[in-house]
Amino acid sequence: MPEVRRILTVKQTGTLHRMMATGMQIIRTFYPNVQIIPYNNFLAVRHDMTIWFMDYHEDKMDIYFCFTDPNDEMGNVLINAFRSYL
C-alpha cells in the first residue's frame, strides 16, 4: 500500500469553505485539471497517479500526498478512506 505523507500545513482562521477554497487553489496551481472528491471530513484530489488529501481543522489545514498503485481501483478506495481517516 502506498505511503501517505503530510507535506504542508496551512495555518488559517476562517470558515471551512474558505480553507477548502485555499486548499484547492494550492492544488490547482500545480494541477489545473483534477478530480475533486469530497469524502466525510476531508477532501481528496486525484490527478493521474497521485492523490492529495486535505484534512481540515478549526485553525489549520494539513495537506497530504500519495502516489497511487498503477491498478488504482479508485485510488485504492481513496487510500483506504484516507487510512481510516488517520
PDB file of N, CA and C in Angstrom:
ATOM      1  N   MET A   1       0.851  -1.183   0.000  1.00  0.00           N
ATOM      2  CA  MET A   1       0.000   0.000   0.000  1.00  0.00           C
ATOM      3  C   MET A   1       0.889   1.236   0.000  1.00  0.00           C
ATOM      4  N   PRO A   2       0.563   2.211  -0.810  1.00  0.00           N
ATOM      5  CA  PRO A   2       1.386   3.426  -0.890  1.00  0.00           C
ATOM      6  C   PRO A   2       1.443   4.193   0.427  1.00  0.00           C
ATOM      7  N   GLU A   3       2.538   4.892   0.606  1.00  0.00           N
ATOM      8  CA  GLU A   3       2.731   5.714   1.805  1.00  0.00           C
ATOM      9  C   GLU A   3       2.022   7.058   1.631  1.00  0.00           C
ATOM     10  N   VAL A   4       1.332   7.491   2.680  1.00  0.00           N
ATOM     11  CA  VAL A   4       0.684   8.799   2.691  1.00  0.00           C
ATOM     12  C   VAL A   4       1.516   9.701   3.588  1.00  0.00           C
ATOM     13  N   ARG A   5       1.992  10.827   3.037  1.00  0.00           N
ATOM     14  CA  ARG A   5       2.845  11.740   3.815  1.00  0.00           C
ATOM     15  C   ARG A   5       2.248  13.127   3.885  1.00  0.00           C
ATOM     16  N   ARG A   6       2.350  13.724   5.064  1.00  0.00           N
ATOM     17  CA  ARG A   6       1.930  15.125   5.193  1.00  0.00           C
ATOM     18  C   ARG A   6       3.038  15.978   4.602  1.00  0.00           C
ATOM     19  N   ILE A   7       2.655  16.897   3.728  1.00  0.00           N
ATOM     20  CA  ILE A   7       3.672  17.724   3.078  1.00  0.00           C
ATOM     21  C   ILE A   7       3.549  19.194   3.410  1.00  0.00           C
ATOM     22  N   LEU A   8       2.406  19.610   3.944  1.00  0.00           N
ATOM     23  CA  LEU A   8       2.214  21.034   4.166  1.00  0.00           C
ATOM     24  C   LEU A   8       1.120  21.242   5.202  1.00  0.00           C
ATOM     25  N   THR A   9       1.306  22.221   6.066  1.00  0.00           N
ATOM     26  CA  THR A   9       0.260  22.662   6.980  1.00  0.00           C
ATOM     27  C   THR A   9       0.031  24.140   6.730  1.00  0.00           C
ATOM     28  N   VAL A  10      -1.211  24.476   6.446  1.00  0.00           N
ATOM     29  CA  VAL A  10      -1.577  25.864   6.215  1.00  0.00           C
ATOM     30  C   VAL A  10      -2.345  26.330   7.439  1.00  0.00           C
ATOM     31  N   LYS A  11      -1.769  27.275   8.174  1.00  0.00           N
ATOM     32  CA  LYS A  11      -2.458  27.813   9.346  1.00  0.00           C
ATOM     33  C   LYS A  11      -3.357  28.930   8.891  1.00  0.00           C
ATOM     34  N   GLN A  12      -4.607  28.844   9.315  1.00  0.00           N
ATOM     35  CA  GLN A  12      -5.574  29.813   8.827  1.00  0.00           C
ATOM     36  C   GLN A  12      -6.766  29.843   9.763  1.00  0.00           C
ATOM     37  N   THR A  13      -7.328  30.996   9.921  1.00  0.00           N
ATOM     38  CA  THR A  13      -8.610  31.097  10.597  1.00  0.00           C
ATOM     39  C   THR A  13      -9.637  31.465   9.552  1.00  0.00           C
ATOM     40  N   GLY A  14     -10.831  31.074   9.764  1.00  0.00           N
ATOM     41  CA  GLY A  14     -11.878  31.367   8.804  1.00  0.00           C
ATOM     42  C   GLY A  14     -12.810  30.190   8.704  1.00  0.00           C
ATOM     43  N   THR A  15     -13.700  30.277   7.767  1.00  0.00           N
ATOM     44  CA  THR A  15     -14.690  29.221   7.617  1.00  0.00           C
ATOM     45  C   THR A  15     -14.076  28.007   6.931  1.00  0.00           C
ATOM     46  N   LEU A  16     -14.743  26.889   7.089  1.00  0.00           N
ATOM     47  CA  LEU A  16     -14.314  25.657   6.422  1.00  0.00           C
ATOM     48  C   LEU A  16     -14.304  25.861   4.914  1.00  0.00           C
ATOM     49  N   HIS A  17     -15.296  26.564   4.397  1.00  0.00           N
ATOM     50  CA  HIS A  17     -15.353  26.793   2.949  1.00  0.00           C
ATOM     51  C   HIS A  17     -14.172  27.626   2.467  1.00  0.00           C
ATOM     52  N   ARG A  18     -13.745  28.581   3.265  1.00  0.00           N
ATOM     53  CA  ARG A  18     -12.592  29.404   2.888  1.00  0.00           C
ATOM     54  C   ARG A  18     -11.327  28.546   2.869  1.00  0.00           C
ATOM     55  N   MET A  19     -11.174  27.663   3.874  1.00  0.00           N
ATOM     56  CA  MET A  19      -9.992  26.796   3.903  1.00  0.00           C
ATOM     57  C   MET A  19     -10.011  25.809   2.742  1.00  0.00           C
ATOM     58  N   MET A  20     -11.193  25.286   2.406  1.00  0.00           N
ATOM     59  CA  MET A  20     -11.279  24.371   1.272  1.00  0.00           C
ATOM     60  C   MET A  20     -10.902  25.097  -0.022  1.00  0.00           C
ATOM     61  N   ALA A  21     -11.352  26.320  -0.171  1.00  0.00           N
ATOM     62  CA  ALA A  21     -11.004  27.105  -1.367  1.00  0.00           C
ATOM     63  C   ALA A  21      -9.507  27.363  -1.430  1.00  0.00           C
ATOM     64  N   THR A  22      -8.902  27.648  -0.282  1.00  0.00           N
ATOM     65  CA  THR A  22      -7.449  27.862  -0.239  1.00  0.00           C
ATOM     66  C   THR A  22      -6.718  26.582  -0.631  1.00  0.00           C
ATOM     67  N   GLY A  23      -7.161  25.463  -0.095  1.00  0.00           N
ATOM     68  CA  GLY A  23      -6.544  24.173  -0.434  1.00  0.00           C
ATOM     69  C   GLY A  23      -6.644  23.872  -1.910  1.00  0.00           C
ATOM     70  N   MET A  24      -7.819  24.100  -2.482  1.00  0.00           N
ATOM     71  CA  MET A  24      -7.993  23.843  -3.901  1.00  0.00           C
ATOM     72  C   MET A  24      -7.154  24.791  -4.741  1.00  0.00           C
ATOM     73  N   GLN A  25      -7.009  26.007  -4.295  1.00  0.00           N
ATOM     74  CA  GLN A  25      -6.175  26.971  -5.033  1.00  0.00           C
ATOM     75  C   GLN A  25      -4.722  26.511  -5.041  1.00  0.00           C
ATOM     76  N   ILE A  26      -4.247  25.997  -3.910  1.00  0.00           N
ATOM     77  CA  ILE A  26      -2.875  25.484  -3.838  1.00  0.00           C
ATOM     78  C   ILE A  26      -2.692  24.325  -4.805  1.00  0.00           C
ATOM     79  N   ILE A  27      -3.623  23.365  -4.784  1.00  0.00           N
ATOM     80  CA  ILE A  27      -3.508  22.195  -5.661  1.00  0.00           C
ATOM     81  C   ILE A  27      -3.640  22.597  -7.127  1.00  0.00           C
ATOM     82  N   ARG A  28      -4.615  23.443  -7.459  1.00  0.00           N
ATOM     83  CA  ARG A  28      -4.827  23.824  -8.860  1.00  0.00           C
ATOM     84  C   ARG A  28      -3.680  24.660  -9.428  1.00  0.00           C
ATOM     85  N   THR A  29      -2.870  25.241  -8.553  1.00  0.00           N
ATOM     86  CA  THR A  29      -1.680  25.939  -9.028  1.00  0.00           C
ATOM     87  C   THR A  29      -0.758  24.961  -9.741  1.00  0.00           C
ATOM     88  N   PHE A  30      -0.654  23.738  -9.194  1.00  0.00           N
ATOM     89  CA  PHE A  30       0.228  22.723  -9.769  1.00  0.00           C
ATOM     90  C   PHE A  30      -0.486  21.859 -10.804  1.00  0.00           C
ATOM     91  N   TYR A  31      -1.754  21.546 -10.562  1.00  0.00           N
ATOM     92  CA  TYR A  31      -2.513  20.646 -11.426  1.00  0.00           C
ATOM     93  C   TYR A  31      -3.869  21.263 -11.751  1.00  0.00           C
ATOM     94  N   PRO A  32      -3.984  21.964 -12.881  1.00  0.00           N
ATOM     95  CA  PRO A  32      -5.235  22.653 -13.187  1.00  0.00           C
ATOM     96  C   PRO A  32      -6.426  21.723 -13.447  1.00  0.00           C
ATOM     97  N   ASN A  33      -6.204  20.534 -13.976  1.00  0.00           N
ATOM     98  CA  ASN A  33      -7.308  19.615 -14.283  1.00  0.00           C
ATOM     99  C   ASN A  33      -7.268  18.427 -13.330  1.00  0.00           C
ATOM    100  N   VAL A  34      -8.056  18.498 -12.274  1.00  0.00           N
ATOM    101  CA  VAL A  34      -8.040  17.455 -11.260  1.00  0.00           C
ATOM    102  C   VAL A  34      -9.456  16.952 -11.001  1.00  0.00           C
ATOM    103  N   GLN A  35      -9.541  15.774 -10.398  1.00  0.00           N
ATOM    104  CA  GLN A  35     -10.814  15.223  -9.956  1.00  0.00           C
ATOM    105  C   GLN A  35     -10.928  15.489  -8.458  1.00  0.00           C
ATOM    106  N   ILE A  36     -11.984  16.180  -8.035  1.00  0.00           N
ATOM    107  CA  ILE A  36     -12.163  16.554  -6.637  1.00  0.00           C
ATOM    108  C   ILE A  36     -13.211  15.632  -6.019  1.00  0.00           C
ATOM    109  N   ILE A  37     -12.852  14.994  -4.912  1.00  0.00           N
ATOM    110  CA  ILE A  37     -13.747  14.041  -4.276  1.00  0.00           C
ATOM    111  C   ILE A  37     -13.924  14.417  -2.805  1.00  0.00           C
ATOM    112  N   PRO A  38     -15.065  15.021  -2.441  1.00  0.00           N
ATOM    113  CA  PRO A  38     -15.317  15.273  -1.024  1.00  0.00           C
ATOM    114  C   PRO A  38     -15.651  13.958  -0.339  1.00  0.00           C
ATOM    115  N   TYR A  39     -15.072  13.717   0.807  1.00  0.00           N
ATOM    116  CA  TYR A  39     -15.263  12.451   1.495  1.00  0.00           C
ATOM    117  C   TYR A  39     -15.326  12.713   2.987  1.00  0.00           C
ATOM    118  N   ASN A  40     -16.503  12.624   3.563  1.00  0.00           N
ATOM    119  CA  ASN A  40     -16.710  12.858   5.002  1.00  0.00           C
ATOM    120  C   ASN A  40     -15.963  14.082   5.509  1.00  0.00           C
ATOM    121  N   ASN A  41     -14.887  13.899   6.260  1.00  0.00           N
ATOM    122  CA  ASN A  41     -14.198  15.013   6.921  1.00  0.00           C
ATOM    123  C   ASN A  41     -12.951  15.501   6.183  1.00  0.00           C
ATOM    124  N   PHE A  42     -12.740  15.047   4.981  1.00  0.00           N
ATOM    125  CA  PHE A  42     -11.578  15.502   4.228  1.00  0.00           C
ATOM    126  C   PHE A  42     -11.928  15.588   2.754  1.00  0.00           C
ATOM    127  N   LEU A  43     -11.024  16.173   2.003  1.00  0.00           N
ATOM    128  CA  LEU A  43     -11.206  16.328   0.571  1.00  0.00           C
ATOM    129  C   LEU A  43     -10.077  15.588  -0.126  1.00  0.00           C
ATOM    130  N   ALA A  44     -10.408  14.771  -1.103  1.00  0.00           N
ATOM    131  CA  ALA A  44      -9.396  14.063  -1.887  1.00  0.00           C
ATOM    132  C   ALA A  44      -9.355  14.667  -3.282  1.00  0.00           C
ATOM    133  N   VAL A  45      -8.154  14.855  -3.791  1.00  0.00           N
ATOM    134  CA  VAL A  45      -7.953  15.422  -5.118  1.00  0.00           C
ATOM    135  C   VAL A  45      -7.084  14.451  -5.899  1.00  0.00           C
ATOM    136  N   ARG A  46      -7.641  13.915  -6.990  1.00  0.00           N
ATOM    137  CA  ARG A  46      -6.907  12.931  -7.793  1.00  0.00           C
ATOM    138  C   ARG A  46      -6.382  13.572  -9.058  1.00  0.00           C
ATOM    139  N   HIS A  47      -5.148  13.201  -9.408  1.00  0.00           N
ATOM    140  CA  HIS A  47      -4.552  13.640 -10.665  1.00  0.00           C
ATOM    141  C   HIS A  47      -3.586  12.555 -11.118  1.00  0.00           C
ATOM    142  N   ASP A  48      -3.853  11.988 -12.278  1.00  0.00           N
ATOM    143  CA  ASP A  48      -3.032  10.898 -12.813  1.00  0.00           C
ATOM    144  C   ASP A  48      -2.775   9.845 -11.752  1.00  0.00           C
ATOM    145  N   MET A  49      -1.536   9.694 -11.350  1.00  0.00           N
ATOM    146  CA  MET A  49      -1.152   8.643 -10.395  1.00  0.00           C
ATOM    147  C   MET A  49      -0.896   9.209  -9.006  1.00  0.00           C
ATOM    148  N   THR A  50      -1.505  10.320  -8.687  1.00  0.00           N
ATOM    149  CA  THR A  50      -1.314  10.920  -7.369  1.00  0.00           C
ATOM    150  C   THR A  50      -2.656  11.268  -6.734  1.00  0.00           C
ATOM    151  N   ILE A  51      -2.664  11.299  -5.423  1.00  0.00           N
ATOM    152  CA  ILE A  51      -3.822  11.777  -4.666  1.00  0.00           C
ATOM    153  C   ILE A  51      -3.312  12.741  -3.613  1.00  0.00           C
ATOM    154  N   TRP A  52      -3.977  13.856  -3.497  1.00  0.00           N
ATOM    155  CA  TRP A  52      -3.720  14.830  -2.444  1.00  0.00           C
ATOM    156  C   TRP A  52      -4.903  14.770  -1.500  1.00  0.00           C
ATOM    157  N   PHE A  53      -4.658  14.776  -0.210  1.00  0.00           N
ATOM    158  CA  PHE A  53      -5.729  14.796   0.782  1.00  0.00           C
ATOM    159  C   PHE A  53      -5.635  16.093   1.561  1.00  0.00           C
ATOM    160  N   MET A  54      -6.771  16.730   1.784  1.00  0.00           N
ATOM    161  CA  MET A  54      -6.811  17.938   2.596  1.00  0.00           C
ATOM    162  C   MET A  54      -7.645  17.653   3.829  1.00  0.00           C
ATOM    163  N   ASP A  55      -6.992  17.745   4.980  1.00  0.00           N
ATOM    164  CA  ASP A  55      -7.608  17.466   6.275  1.00  0.00           C
ATOM    165  C   ASP A  55      -7.803  18.798   6.996  1.00  0.00           C
ATOM    166  N   TYR A  56      -9.052  19.143   7.260  1.00  0.00           N
ATOM    167  CA  TYR A  56      -9.384  20.460   7.802  1.00  0.00           C
ATOM    168  C   TYR A  56      -9.607  20.416   9.304  1.00  0.00           C
ATOM    169  N   HIS A  57      -9.084  21.411   9.987  1.00  0.00           N
ATOM    170  CA  HIS A  57      -9.280  21.596  11.421  1.00  0.00           C
ATOM    171  C   HIS A  57      -9.752  23.031  11.629  1.00  0.00           C
ATOM    172  N   GLU A  58     -10.040  23.407  12.874  1.00  0.00           N
ATOM    173  CA  GLU A  58     -10.519  24.766  13.143  1.00  0.00           C
ATOM    174  C   GLU A  58      -9.531  25.830  12.714  1.00  0.00           C
ATOM    175  N   ASP A  59      -8.249  25.605  12.967  1.00  0.00           N
ATOM    176  CA  ASP A  59      -7.269  26.661  12.745  1.00  0.00           C
ATOM    177  C   ASP A  59      -6.202  26.326  11.720  1.00  0.00           C
ATOM    178  N   LYS A  60      -6.304  25.174  11.076  1.00  0.00           N
ATOM    179  CA  LYS A  60      -5.283  24.801  10.096  1.00  0.00           C
ATOM    180  C   LYS A  60      -5.833  23.773   9.125  1.00  0.00           C
ATOM    181  N   MET A  61      -5.077  23.571   8.073  1.00  0.00           N
ATOM    182  CA  MET A  61      -5.387  22.547   7.097  1.00  0.00           C
ATOM    183  C   MET A  61      -4.089  21.795   6.809  1.00  0.00           C
ATOM    184  N   ASP A  62      -4.121  20.482   6.958  1.00  0.00           N
ATOM    185  CA  ASP A  62      -2.967  19.647   6.629  1.00  0.00           C
ATOM    186  C   ASP A  62      -3.185  19.069   5.237  1.00  0.00           C
ATOM    187  N   ILE A  63      -2.149  19.153   4.410  1.00  0.00           N
ATOM    188  CA  ILE A  63      -2.218  18.582   3.070  1.00  0.00           C
ATOM    189  C   ILE A  63      -1.279  17.384   3.016  1.00  0.00           C
ATOM    190  N   TYR A  64      -1.818  16.251   2.593  1.00  0.00           N
ATOM    191  CA  TYR A  64      -1.070  15.003   2.478  1.00  0.00           C
ATOM    192  C   TYR A  64      -0.976  14.632   1.007  1.00  0.00           C
ATOM    193  N   PHE A  65       0.027  13.833   0.677  1.00  0.00           N
ATOM    194  CA  PHE A  65       0.289  13.466  -0.707  1.00  0.00           C
ATOM    195  C   PHE A  65       0.567  11.974  -0.768  1.00  0.00           C
ATOM    196  N   CYS A  66       0.141  11.340  -1.851  1.00  0.00           N
ATOM    197  CA  CYS A  66       0.364   9.905  -2.007  1.00  0.00           C
ATOM    198  C   CYS A  66       0.382   9.556  -3.486  1.00  0.00           C
ATOM    199  N   PHE A  67       1.301   8.667  -3.888  1.00  0.00           N
ATOM    200  CA  PHE A  67       1.241   8.084  -5.223  1.00  0.00           C
ATOM    201  C   PHE A  67       0.273   6.915  -5.157  1.00  0.00           C
ATOM    202  N   THR A  68      -0.431   6.640  -6.251  1.00  0.00           N
ATOM    203  CA  THR A  68      -1.354   5.511  -6.258  1.00  0.00           C
ATOM    204  C   THR A  68      -0.759   4.343  -7.012  1.00  0.00           C
ATOM    205  N   ASP A  69      -1.314   3.195  -6.756  1.00  0.00           N
ATOM    206  CA  ASP A  69      -0.930   1.957  -7.420  1.00  0.00           C
ATOM    207  C   ASP A  69      -1.362   2.018  -8.881  1.00  0.00           C
ATOM    208  N   PRO A  70      -0.566   1.488  -9.815  1.00  0.00           N
ATOM    209  CA  PRO A  70      -0.974   1.513 -11.219  1.00  0.00           C
ATOM    210  C   PRO A  70      -2.328   0.832 -11.465  1.00  0.00           C
ATOM    211  N   ASN A  71      -2.701  -0.126 -10.650  1.00  0.00           N
ATOM    212  CA  ASN A  71      -4.003  -0.788 -10.805  1.00  0.00           C
ATOM    213  C   ASN A  71      -5.111  -0.014 -10.110  1.00  0.00           C
ATOM    214  N   ASP A  72      -4.790   1.042  -9.505  1.00  0.00           N
ATOM    215  CA  ASP A  72      -5.587   2.048  -8.808  1.00  0.00           C
ATOM    216  C   ASP A  72      -6.834   1.575  -8.075  1.00  0.00           C
ATOM    217  N   GLU A  73      -7.848   1.062  -8.753  1.00  0.00           N
ATOM    218  CA  GLU A  73      -9.119   0.705  -8.116  1.00  0.00           C
ATOM    219  C   GLU A  73      -9.621   1.854  -7.246  1.00  0.00           C
ATOM    220  N   MET A  74      -9.912   2.960  -7.959  1.00  0.00           N
ATOM    221  CA  MET A  74     -10.395   4.218  -7.360  1.00  0.00           C
ATOM    222  C   MET A  74      -9.468   4.699  -6.265  1.00  0.00           C
ATOM    223  N   GLY A  75      -8.194   4.732  -6.607  1.00  0.00           N
ATOM    224  CA  GLY A  75      -7.187   5.228  -5.671  1.00  0.00           C
ATOM    225  C   GLY A  75      -7.140   4.361  -4.428  1.00  0.00           C
ATOM    226  N   ASN A  76      -7.199   2.990  -4.702  1.00  0.00           N
ATOM    227  CA  ASN A  76      -7.284   2.006  -3.614  1.00  0.00           C
ATOM    228  C   ASN A  76      -8.307   2.472  -2.584  1.00  0.00           C
ATOM    229  N   VAL A  77      -9.497   2.764  -3.168  1.00  0.00           N
ATOM    230  CA  VAL A  77     -10.626   3.340  -2.450  1.00  0.00           C
ATOM    231  C   VAL A  77     -10.117   4.458  -1.551  1.00  0.00           C
ATOM    232  N   LEU A  78      -9.613   5.441  -2.310  1.00  0.00           N
ATOM    233  CA  LEU A  78      -9.044   6.667  -1.735  1.00  0.00           C
ATOM    234  C   LEU A  78      -8.163   6.351  -0.540  1.00  0.00           C
ATOM    235  N   ILE A  79      -7.146   5.515  -0.894  1.00  0.00           N
ATOM    236  CA  ILE A  79      -6.124   5.054   0.054  1.00  0.00           C
ATOM    237  C   ILE A  79      -6.804   4.730   1.389  1.00  0.00           C
ATOM    238  N   ASN A  80      -7.644   3.690   1.231  1.00  0.00           N
ATOM    239  CA  ASN A  80      -8.406   3.133   2.360  1.00  0.00           C
ATOM    240  C   ASN A  80      -9.025   4.226   3.215  1.00  0.00           C
ATOM    241  N   ALA A  81      -9.840   5.023   2.490  1.00  0.00           N
ATOM    242  CA  ALA A  81     -10.553   6.144   3.110  1.00  0.00           C
ATOM    243  C   ALA A  81      -9.625   6.926   4.012  1.00  0.00           C
ATOM    244  N   PHE A  82      -8.543   7.348   3.318  1.00  0.00           N
ATOM    245  CA  PHE A  82      -7.510   8.192   3.944  1.00  0.00           C
ATOM    246  C   PHE A  82      -7.076   7.578   5.271  1.00  0.00           C
ATOM    247  N   ARG A  83      -6.640   6.302   5.068  1.00  0.00           N
ATOM    248  CA  ARG A  83      -6.133   5.480   6.181  1.00  0.00           C
ATOM    249  C   ARG A  83      -7.087   5.530   7.371  1.00  0.00           C
ATOM    250  N   SER A  84      -8.363   5.209   7.025  1.00  0.00           N
ATOM    251  CA  SER A  84      -9.452   5.221   8.006  1.00  0.00           C
ATOM    252  C   SER A  84      -9.460   6.524   8.789  1.00  0.00           C
ATOM    253  N   TYR A  85      -9.344   7.561   7.992  1.00  0.00           N
ATOM    254  CA  TYR A  85      -9.286   8.946   8.432  1.00  0.00           C
ATOM    255  C   TYR A  85      -8.339   9.127   9.613  1.00  0.00           C
ATOM    256  N   LEU A  86      -7.099   8.804   9.294  1.00  0.00           N
ATOM    257  CA  LEU A  86      -5.993   8.985  10.235  1.00  0.00           C
ATOM    258  C   LEU A  86      -6.442   8.598  11.620  1.00  0.00           C
TER     259      LEU A  86
END
